[in-house]
Amino acid sequence: MDDLFSPTYAEARKRFLAAAGANLAGSYPHPLKGPDGGDLATDIARLGPTGARRVLVVESGTHGAEGFCGSAIQLALLKSPPALPDDTAILLVHAINPHGFAWIRRVTEDNVDLNRNFVDFSKPLPENPGYDELADALLPKTWTEASLAAARDTLEAYRAKHGERAFVTGTGGGQYKHPRGLFFGGTKPTWSRETVAKVCRDHLAGVAHAALIDVHSGLGPYGYGEPLTALAPGSPEEVRARAWYGDELRNTQAANSAYAGTQASILVGYTGGAPWAAWTPIGLEYGTRPREDVRRALRHEHWLHAHGDANSSEAPKIKAALKDVFCPDEPEWKQKVIERGREMVGKALKGLASL
């Protein structure tokens, strides 16, 4: 597994480019550099015919530091490609948020949660009064046991008063008023959002049917990849996705969902970027550590950049904790990721072949 799971973005990119070889279909250079001074880019590889009318897009790195497991799946597909149905191709989009991947951040270079950035910025932006109320508790000015205890009391009081669903939405549903805060959706399209549009224009022209598997990690049972959709329940697209992925498919818009569903995710970016195609998009979320451990590591790393010192002696430990909750360095977990990744790719290819 160590030949698939890379220790850094730089190594992940090196391995991806080497494995892609003649299948490398393009690169989109990022304007900034990585922590080692190296180049950053979103790289594209293609398996199958260029003119295929059915395409499966497998993407890594939407949430930067979550890119390690998605990159590993992509590398596994390059090293041992699956059999492709006729007139079908796989497009591997490696590190759509390369800055977050390289710097071990969930967000982009401008502190934007890419899965909250696909909104129409010419219109009034979504409101999240729950986040407004909890902003200071989520990211206290100081990171001490006392401040965290006070923050925990505030968060639990809100949960008790408003219920679990309101708590999930308030703390993770996205917000557009706190630029240094968690789950910030931005004030304009990010570099990564613009790159999604370029990928659609450059690589999906003429495609009739498209599927997307956007790989994430951090939530759910350990090692289990849960297929997620935000498609309207009962819509033709959601019915098709459920036929492909079965009862395991979870809708983030459902009232009992444990996920903070959003209508501004990268899935919207692809379907809007290539509206000529009939899309069947899903997110694939791999569980890692207990949810509270993930939340604490995410808040701590975000606090480091909002109120702390990213160059401090404690920063590497904070970054390591964030990486651990997104990509545990454990053989069992890594094996599950690759096996499940191949399984879901197989289901998507079978679904495309039926169209």
Protein backbone atom coordinates (compact mmCIF):
# COMPACT_ATOMS: atom_id res chain seq x y z
CA MET A 1 0.00 0.00 0.00
CA ASP A 2 2.91 2.37 0.63
CA ASP A 3 3.53 2.55 -3.12
CA LEU A 4 0.01 4.03 -3.51
CA PHE A 5 -0.30 6.28 -0.44
CA SER A 6 2.18 9.13 -0.64
CA PRO A 7 3.61 10.98 2.37
CA THR A 8 3.36 14.42 0.72
CA TYR A 9 1.59 16.17 -2.14
CA ALA A 10 4.90 16.50 -3.98
CA GLU A 11 5.44 12.74 -3.86
CA ALA A 12 1.80 12.07 -4.80
CA ARG A 13 2.13 14.29 -7.86
CA LYS A 14 5.46 12.71 -8.85
CA ARG A 15 3.96 9.23 -8.64
CA PHE A 16 0.80 10.24 -10.51
CA LEU A 17 2.73 11.79 -13.39
CA ALA A 18 5.03 8.79 -13.63
CA ALA A 19 2.18 6.28 -13.60
CA ALA A 20 0.14 8.31 -16.08
CA GLY A 21 2.91 8.30 -18.70
CA ALA A 22 1.36 8.52 -22.14
CA ASN A 23 -2.08 8.74 -20.51
CA LEU A 24 -1.30 12.20 -19.13
CA ALA A 25 -3.92 14.46 -20.72
CA GLY A 26 -3.03 17.87 -19.30
CA SER A 27 -1.94 19.99 -16.35
CA TYR A 28 -3.25 23.22 -14.87
CA PRO A 29 -0.43 25.04 -13.04
CA HIS A 30 -1.34 26.78 -9.79
CA PRO A 31 0.12 30.29 -9.31
CA LEU A 32 1.55 29.54 -5.86
CA LYS A 33 4.18 27.12 -4.57
CA GLY A 34 4.19 24.26 -2.11
CA PRO A 35 5.92 24.24 1.30
CA ASP A 36 9.06 22.83 -0.34
CA GLY A 37 9.05 25.57 -2.98
CA GLY A 38 7.87 23.09 -5.59
CA ASP A 39 5.24 23.56 -8.27
CA LEU A 40 1.57 22.97 -7.65
CA ALA A 41 -0.91 21.84 -10.29
CA THR A 42 -4.07 19.94 -11.04
CA ASP A 43 -3.05 17.10 -13.35
CA ILE A 44 -5.27 15.07 -15.65
CA ALA A 45 -4.89 11.49 -16.87
CA ARG A 46 -7.22 9.67 -19.22
CA LEU A 47 -7.85 5.95 -19.57
CA GLY A 48 -9.79 4.99 -22.69
CA PRO A 49 -10.62 6.68 -25.99
CA THR A 50 -10.43 10.46 -26.33
CA GLY A 51 -13.78 10.68 -28.11
CA ALA A 52 -15.72 8.46 -25.70
CA ARG A 53 -19.31 9.56 -25.21
CA ARG A 54 -19.42 8.09 -21.69
CA VAL A 55 -16.88 9.28 -19.12
CA LEU A 56 -16.28 8.56 -15.44
CA VAL A 57 -14.49 11.37 -13.62
CA VAL A 58 -12.58 10.30 -10.50
CA GLU A 59 -11.36 13.29 -8.53
CA SER A 60 -9.04 13.80 -5.56
CA GLY A 61 -8.23 16.72 -3.28
CA THR A 62 -11.41 18.80 -3.22
CA HIS A 63 -10.69 19.27 0.46
CA GLY A 64 -6.93 19.58 0.11
CA ALA A 65 -5.53 17.34 2.82
CA GLU A 66 -8.21 14.74 2.09
CA GLY A 67 -6.41 14.18 -1.20
CA PHE A 68 -4.09 11.45 0.06
CA CYS A 69 -6.65 8.64 -0.20
CA GLY A 70 -8.14 9.91 -3.47
CA SER A 71 -4.67 10.12 -4.99
CA ALA A 72 -3.97 6.55 -3.89
CA ILE A 73 -7.13 5.30 -5.61
CA GLN A 74 -6.18 7.15 -8.79
CA LEU A 75 -2.69 5.69 -8.70
CA ALA A 76 -4.13 2.19 -8.26
CA LEU A 77 -6.34 2.71 -11.31
CA LEU A 78 -3.36 3.87 -13.38
CA LYS A 79 -1.19 0.94 -12.32
CA SER A 80 -3.93 -1.64 -12.86
CA PRO A 81 -6.66 -0.16 -15.09
CA PRO A 82 -10.14 -1.70 -14.99
CA ALA A 83 -11.74 -3.12 -18.09
CA LEU A 84 -13.67 -0.37 -19.83
CA PRO A 85 -17.02 -0.80 -21.58
CA ASP A 86 -17.20 0.27 -25.21
CA ASP A 87 -17.20 4.00 -25.86
CA THR A 88 -16.24 4.72 -22.24
CA ALA A 89 -13.27 6.46 -20.63
CA ILE A 90 -12.04 7.37 -17.15
CA LEU A 91 -10.79 10.88 -16.45
CA LEU A 92 -8.57 11.15 -13.37
CA VAL A 93 -8.48 14.69 -11.94
CA HIS A 94 -5.58 14.73 -9.49
CA ALA A 95 -5.51 17.38 -6.74
CA ILE A 96 -8.20 19.84 -7.78
CA ASN A 97 -7.14 21.87 -4.71
CA PRO A 98 -3.36 21.38 -4.88
CA HIS A 99 -2.54 24.21 -2.46
CA GLY A 100 -4.61 22.67 0.35
CA PHE A 101 -3.20 19.22 -0.46
CA ALA A 102 0.41 20.44 -0.33
CA TRP A 103 0.06 22.61 2.77
CA ILE A 104 -2.10 20.06 4.70
CA ARG A 105 -5.14 22.32 4.75
CA ARG A 106 -8.75 21.42 4.05
CA VAL A 107 -9.32 24.79 2.40
CA THR A 108 -7.88 26.54 -0.66
CA GLU A 109 -5.17 29.19 -0.62
CA ASP A 110 -7.82 31.84 0.16
CA ASN A 111 -9.30 29.90 3.10
CA VAL A 112 -12.28 28.76 1.04
CA ASP A 113 -14.06 25.45 1.47
CA LEU A 114 -14.26 24.44 -2.19
CA ASN A 115 -17.46 22.47 -1.54
CA ARG A 116 -19.14 25.74 -0.56
CA ASN A 117 -17.77 27.87 -3.42
CA PHE A 118 -20.08 26.88 -6.28
CA VAL A 119 -22.71 29.56 -5.74
CA ASP A 120 -23.86 32.42 -7.94
CA PHE A 121 -21.92 35.34 -6.48
CA SER A 122 -24.05 37.83 -8.41
CA LYS A 123 -26.99 36.94 -6.14
CA PRO A 124 -27.51 37.27 -2.37
CA LEU A 125 -25.36 34.66 -0.65
CA PRO A 126 -26.81 31.95 1.61
CA GLU A 127 -27.27 32.84 5.27
CA ASN A 128 -26.21 30.64 8.16
CA PRO A 129 -27.38 32.24 11.42
CA GLY A 130 -26.29 29.14 13.34
CA TYR A 131 -22.68 29.67 12.34
CA ASP A 132 -22.94 33.39 13.12
CA GLU A 133 -23.95 32.47 16.66
CA LEU A 134 -21.29 29.80 17.08
CA ALA A 135 -18.35 31.35 15.22
CA ASP A 136 -16.38 32.34 18.32
CA ALA A 137 -16.98 28.99 19.99
CA LEU A 138 -15.81 27.06 16.93
CA LEU A 139 -12.62 29.11 16.71
CA PRO A 140 -11.84 30.65 20.10
CA LYS A 141 -9.16 33.33 20.17
CA THR A 142 -6.94 31.14 22.35
CA TRP A 143 -6.47 27.37 22.29
CA THR A 144 -6.40 26.41 25.95
CA GLU A 145 -8.25 23.84 28.01
CA ALA A 146 -10.28 26.62 29.61
CA SER A 147 -11.26 28.26 26.32
CA LEU A 148 -12.10 24.89 24.77
CA ALA A 149 -14.25 23.92 27.75
CA ALA A 150 -16.18 27.19 27.48
CA ALA A 151 -16.57 26.67 23.73
CA ARG A 152 -17.80 23.12 24.29
CA ASP A 153 -20.46 24.36 26.69
CA THR A 154 -21.65 26.90 24.11
CA LEU A 155 -21.78 24.31 21.35
CA GLU A 156 -23.62 21.75 23.46
CA ALA A 157 -26.12 24.33 24.65
CA TYR A 158 -26.89 25.20 21.03
CA ARG A 159 -27.27 21.52 20.15
CA ALA A 160 -29.63 20.94 23.08
CA LYS A 161 -31.75 23.95 22.21
CA HIS A 162 -31.99 23.58 18.44
CA GLY A 163 -31.47 19.87 17.76
CA GLU A 164 -28.87 17.80 15.97
CA ARG A 165 -29.77 18.78 12.40
CA ALA A 166 -29.61 22.50 13.15
CA PHE A 167 -26.29 21.91 14.93
CA VAL A 168 -24.82 20.05 11.93
CA THR A 169 -26.00 22.78 9.54
CA GLY A 170 -24.85 25.60 11.77
CA THR A 171 -21.39 24.20 12.37
CA GLY A 172 -20.69 22.71 8.94
CA GLY A 173 -23.24 23.85 6.38
CA GLY A 174 -21.10 26.65 4.99
CA GLN A 175 -21.04 30.39 5.61
CA TYR A 176 -20.16 33.57 3.71
CA LYS A 177 -19.66 36.19 6.44
CA HIS A 178 -16.52 35.05 8.27
CA PRO A 179 -13.53 34.99 5.87
CA ARG A 180 -11.17 33.50 8.43
CA GLY A 181 -13.75 31.05 9.76
CA LEU A 182 -14.54 27.42 9.10
CA PHE A 183 -16.46 26.31 5.98
CA PHE A 184 -16.15 29.76 4.36
CA GLY A 185 -17.63 29.73 0.86
CA GLY A 186 -15.70 32.72 -0.43
CA THR A 187 -16.60 35.98 -2.12
CA LYS A 188 -15.79 34.92 -5.67
CA PRO A 189 -14.90 31.80 -7.66
CA THR A 190 -11.62 30.27 -6.51
CA TRP A 191 -8.75 29.11 -8.73
CA SER A 192 -9.95 25.53 -8.17
CA ARG A 193 -13.51 26.35 -9.19
CA GLU A 194 -12.25 27.98 -12.39
CA THR A 195 -10.10 24.92 -13.03
CA VAL A 196 -13.16 22.66 -12.79
CA ALA A 197 -14.76 24.73 -15.55
CA LYS A 198 -11.60 24.35 -17.67
CA VAL A 199 -11.52 20.59 -17.12
CA CYS A 200 -15.13 20.34 -18.30
CA ARG A 201 -14.45 22.48 -21.35
CA ASP A 202 -11.19 20.79 -22.31
CA HIS A 203 -11.95 17.14 -21.55
CA LEU A 204 -15.72 16.59 -21.54
CA ALA A 205 -16.81 18.23 -24.79
CA GLY A 206 -19.15 15.95 -26.71
CA VAL A 207 -19.75 13.62 -23.76
CA ALA A 208 -23.34 12.36 -23.57
CA HIS A 209 -23.22 10.61 -20.17
CA ALA A 210 -20.88 11.49 -17.33
CA ALA A 211 -20.38 10.11 -13.84
CA LEU A 212 -18.36 11.64 -11.03
CA ILE A 213 -16.76 10.07 -7.96
CA ASP A 214 -15.38 12.85 -5.79
CA VAL A 215 -13.24 11.22 -3.07
CA HIS A 216 -13.31 12.54 0.52
CA SER A 217 -12.28 11.30 3.94
CA GLY A 218 -12.91 12.06 7.61
CA LEU A 219 -16.51 11.05 8.31
CA GLY A 220 -18.29 7.75 8.82
CA PRO A 221 -17.28 4.23 9.91
CA TYR A 222 -13.58 3.38 9.83
CA GLY A 223 -12.42 2.42 6.34
CA TYR A 224 -15.90 2.45 4.86
CA GLY A 225 -16.45 4.51 1.74
CA GLU A 226 -20.01 5.86 1.84
CA PRO A 227 -21.52 7.06 -1.45
CA LEU A 228 -23.24 10.42 -1.02
CA THR A 229 -25.53 12.52 -3.16
CA ALA A 230 -27.14 15.93 -2.81
CA LEU A 231 -29.48 15.32 -5.76
CA ALA A 232 -33.14 16.04 -5.19
CA PRO A 233 -34.77 12.90 -3.75
CA GLY A 234 -36.85 11.17 -6.41
CA SER A 235 -35.35 13.14 -9.30
CA PRO A 236 -34.35 11.12 -12.38
CA GLU A 237 -30.68 11.69 -11.56
CA GLU A 238 -31.07 10.51 -7.97
CA VAL A 239 -33.09 7.47 -9.04
CA ARG A 240 -30.34 6.57 -11.51
CA ALA A 241 -27.62 6.99 -8.87
CA ARG A 242 -29.56 4.77 -6.47
CA ALA A 243 -29.91 2.11 -9.17
CA TRP A 244 -26.13 2.16 -9.64
CA TYR A 245 -25.01 2.26 -6.01
CA GLY A 246 -27.94 0.65 -4.21
CA ASP A 247 -29.24 1.26 -0.72
CA GLU A 248 -25.82 2.35 0.50
CA LEU A 249 -26.30 5.69 -1.24
CA ARG A 250 -27.04 8.45 1.31
CA ASN A 251 -28.68 11.77 0.48
CA THR A 252 -27.08 14.68 2.34
CA GLN A 253 -30.30 16.67 1.95
CA ALA A 254 -32.32 14.14 3.95
CA ALA A 255 -33.72 15.37 7.26
CA ASN A 256 -31.88 12.66 9.20
CA SER A 257 -28.55 13.06 7.43
CA ALA A 258 -25.40 13.28 9.56
CA TYR A 259 -23.79 15.36 6.83
CA ALA A 260 -24.08 19.10 6.37
CA GLY A 261 -25.55 19.04 2.89
CA THR A 262 -24.82 21.88 0.51
CA GLN A 263 -26.10 23.00 -2.87
CA ALA A 264 -22.74 24.67 -3.62
CA SER A 265 -20.49 21.61 -3.86
CA ILE A 266 -18.06 20.62 -6.58
CA LEU A 267 -20.70 18.20 -7.87
CA VAL A 268 -22.64 21.31 -8.91
CA GLY A 269 -19.46 22.60 -10.53
CA TYR A 270 -19.18 19.63 -12.84
CA THR A 271 -22.84 19.33 -13.73
CA GLY A 272 -22.97 23.07 -14.45
CA GLY A 273 -19.62 23.03 -16.23
CA ALA A 274 -20.74 20.38 -18.71
CA PRO A 275 -24.52 20.82 -18.93
CA TRP A 276 -24.65 19.00 -22.25
CA ALA A 277 -23.98 15.70 -20.43
CA ALA A 278 -26.42 13.65 -18.37
CA TRP A 279 -24.66 13.45 -15.01
CA THR A 280 -24.64 10.87 -12.23
CA PRO A 281 -22.38 12.44 -9.57
CA ILE A 282 -21.55 11.21 -6.08
CA GLY A 283 -19.14 11.96 -3.29
CA LEU A 284 -17.33 9.00 -1.73
CA GLU A 285 -16.62 9.62 1.96
CA TYR A 286 -14.19 7.37 3.85
CA GLY A 287 -14.50 7.12 7.62
CA THR A 288 -11.34 7.54 9.68
CA ARG A 289 -11.37 8.58 13.35
CA PRO A 290 -14.26 9.29 15.75
CA ARG A 291 -16.19 12.36 14.64
CA GLU A 292 -15.21 14.47 17.65
CA ASP A 293 -11.53 13.73 17.02
CA VAL A 294 -11.91 14.82 13.40
CA ARG A 295 -13.77 17.98 14.41
CA ARG A 296 -11.15 18.89 17.02
CA ALA A 297 -8.22 18.36 14.62
CA LEU A 298 -9.95 20.43 11.94
CA ARG A 299 -10.73 23.27 14.34
CA HIS A 300 -7.20 23.24 15.77
CA GLU A 301 -5.53 23.47 12.36
CA HIS A 302 -7.92 26.20 11.31
CA TRP A 303 -7.28 28.06 14.56
CA LEU A 304 -3.55 27.86 13.80
CA HIS A 305 -4.06 29.97 10.68
CA ALA A 306 -6.81 32.22 12.04
CA HIS A 307 -5.40 33.09 15.47
CA GLY A 308 -2.17 31.17 16.00
CA ASP A 309 1.27 31.07 14.41
CA ALA A 310 1.64 28.75 11.41
CA ASN A 311 5.43 28.94 11.84
CA SER A 312 5.41 27.97 15.51
CA SER A 313 7.04 24.85 16.92
CA GLU A 314 3.61 23.33 17.56
CA ALA A 315 2.46 23.74 13.94
CA PRO A 316 3.94 20.46 12.60
CA LYS A 317 2.17 18.48 15.33
CA ILE A 318 -1.14 20.20 14.54
CA LYS A 319 -0.67 19.46 10.82
CA ALA A 320 0.21 15.83 11.56
CA ALA A 321 -2.98 15.46 13.59
CA LEU A 322 -5.04 16.83 10.71
CA LYS A 323 -3.42 14.47 8.24
CA ASP A 324 -4.08 11.55 10.59
CA VAL A 325 -7.82 12.19 10.74
CA PHE A 326 -7.95 12.35 6.93
CA CYS A 327 -5.52 9.54 6.11
CA PRO A 328 -4.63 7.16 8.94
CA ASP A 329 -1.23 5.56 8.39
CA GLU A 330 -2.58 2.06 8.96
CA PRO A 331 -2.43 -0.87 6.47
CA GLU A 332 -5.95 -2.06 7.23
CA TRP A 333 -7.48 1.35 6.49
CA LYS A 334 -5.46 1.80 3.32
CA GLN A 335 -6.45 -1.64 2.04
CA LYS A 336 -10.11 -0.87 2.62
CA VAL A 337 -9.78 2.41 0.73
CA ILE A 338 -8.32 0.81 -2.38
CA GLU A 339 -10.71 -2.14 -2.41
CA ARG A 340 -13.74 0.09 -1.95
CA GLY A 341 -12.47 2.56 -4.52
CA ARG A 342 -12.19 -0.17 -7.13
CA GLU A 343 -15.63 -1.47 -6.20
CA MET A 344 -17.27 1.92 -6.65
CA VAL A 345 -15.46 2.56 -9.93
CA GLY A 346 -16.75 -0.80 -11.13
CA LYS A 347 -20.32 0.13 -10.22
CA ALA A 348 -20.02 3.47 -12.00
CA LEU A 349 -18.64 1.84 -15.15
CA LYS A 350 -21.42 -0.76 -15.10
CA GLY A 351 -23.97 2.02 -14.69
CA LEU A 352 -22.53 3.99 -17.60
CA ALA A 353 -22.54 0.87 -19.77
CA SER A 354 -26.28 0.49 -19.17
CA LEU A 355 -27.08 3.89 -20.68
